[in-house]
Protein backbone atom coordinates (compact mmCIF):
# COMPACT_ATOMS: atom_id res chain seq x y z
CA MET A 1 -14.61 46.50 -14.31
CA GLU A 2 -17.49 44.79 -16.14
CA ALA A 3 -15.17 42.85 -18.44
CA GLU A 4 -13.12 41.69 -15.46
CA SER A 5 -16.27 40.48 -13.68
CA LEU A 6 -17.37 38.58 -16.78
CA GLY A 7 -13.93 36.98 -16.95
CA PHE A 8 -14.26 35.82 -13.35
CA VAL A 9 -17.69 34.34 -14.03
CA ARG A 10 -16.45 32.61 -17.17
CA GLU A 11 -13.48 31.15 -15.29
CA ALA A 12 -15.75 29.96 -12.46
CA LEU A 13 -18.08 28.21 -14.92
CA ILE A 14 -15.17 26.53 -16.69
CA MET A 15 -13.74 25.42 -13.34
CA SER A 16 -17.07 23.89 -12.32
CA LEU A 17 -17.22 22.01 -15.62
CA VAL A 18 -13.65 20.74 -15.26
CA LEU A 19 -14.24 19.57 -11.69
CA SER A 20 -17.56 17.86 -12.38
CA ALA A 21 -16.66 16.19 -15.70
CA PRO A 22 -14.79 13.15 -14.28
CA ILE A 23 -17.53 12.43 -11.74
CA LEU A 24 -20.32 12.76 -14.28
CA GLY A 25 -18.30 10.74 -16.80
CA ALA A 26 -17.99 7.87 -14.34
CA GLY A 27 -21.74 7.91 -13.78
CA LEU A 28 -22.30 7.93 -17.53
CA VAL A 29 -19.98 4.98 -18.16
CA VAL A 30 -21.44 2.90 -15.34
CA GLY A 31 -24.96 3.72 -16.47
CA LEU A 32 -24.12 2.66 -20.03
CA VAL A 33 -22.60 -0.63 -18.86
CA ILE A 34 -25.61 -1.39 -16.65
CA SER A 35 -27.99 -0.53 -19.49
CA LEU A 36 -26.14 -2.85 -21.84
CA LEU A 37 -26.26 -5.64 -19.27
CA GLN A 38 -29.97 -5.05 -18.78
CA ALA A 39 -30.55 -5.20 -22.52
CA VAL A 40 -28.58 -8.43 -22.87
CA THR A 41 -30.22 -10.16 -19.92
CA GLN A 42 -33.65 -8.59 -20.55
CA VAL A 43 -33.89 -7.50 -16.93
CA GLN A 44 -35.74 -4.18 -17.04
CA GLU A 45 -35.48 -2.99 -13.44
CA GLN A 46 -35.29 0.81 -13.32
CA THR A 47 -33.61 1.01 -9.91
CA LEU A 48 -30.82 -1.45 -10.76
CA ALA A 49 -28.48 1.19 -12.20
CA PHE A 50 -28.91 3.69 -9.36
CA VAL A 51 -26.69 2.15 -6.67
CA PRO A 52 -23.70 1.27 -8.95
CA LYS A 53 -23.77 4.80 -10.41
CA ILE A 54 -23.72 6.40 -6.97
CA VAL A 55 -20.92 4.09 -5.78
CA ALA A 56 -18.83 4.83 -8.88
CA MET A 57 -19.35 8.57 -8.58
CA ILE A 58 -18.40 8.55 -4.89
CA ALA A 59 -15.32 6.43 -5.63
CA VAL A 60 -14.17 8.82 -8.36
CA SER A 61 -14.80 11.77 -6.04
CA ILE A 62 -12.63 10.20 -3.34
CA MET A 63 -9.86 9.31 -5.80
CA LEU A 64 -9.76 12.82 -7.26
CA LEU A 65 -10.19 14.70 -4.00
CA GLY A 66 -6.56 15.87 -3.87
CA TRP A 67 -6.58 17.10 -7.47
CA MET A 68 -9.94 18.81 -7.02
CA SER A 69 -8.83 20.61 -3.86
CA MET A 70 -5.65 21.81 -5.57
CA GLN A 71 -7.69 23.14 -8.50
CA LEU A 72 -10.12 24.92 -6.18
CA SER A 73 -7.40 26.44 -4.02
CA GLY A 74 -5.59 27.72 -7.11
CA PHE A 75 -8.84 29.18 -8.39
CA ALA A 76 -9.56 30.86 -5.04
CA THR A 77 -6.04 32.28 -4.96
CA ARG A 78 -6.49 33.77 -8.43
CA MET A 79 -9.93 35.15 -7.60
CA PHE A 80 -8.91 36.80 -4.35
CA GLY A 81 -5.68 38.21 -5.73
CA GLY A 82 -3.22 36.23 -3.61
């Protein structure tokens, strides 16, 4: 029983990493691009990267909503024995 519970927890953690990786990756890429632009133009405004990162992460979330819901429903089906 304990090994089965640990397997469920491990699978849940892996699923959360898989689902969050594209969103966090988009934020990372946009943040890097904004940082490079700030370094080139010597504009050192801390809040400049915030809005583009949020917009990119929301856009990726919307684009991947179908895939994410399919992954979560498959996970829930496996967890609840359906």
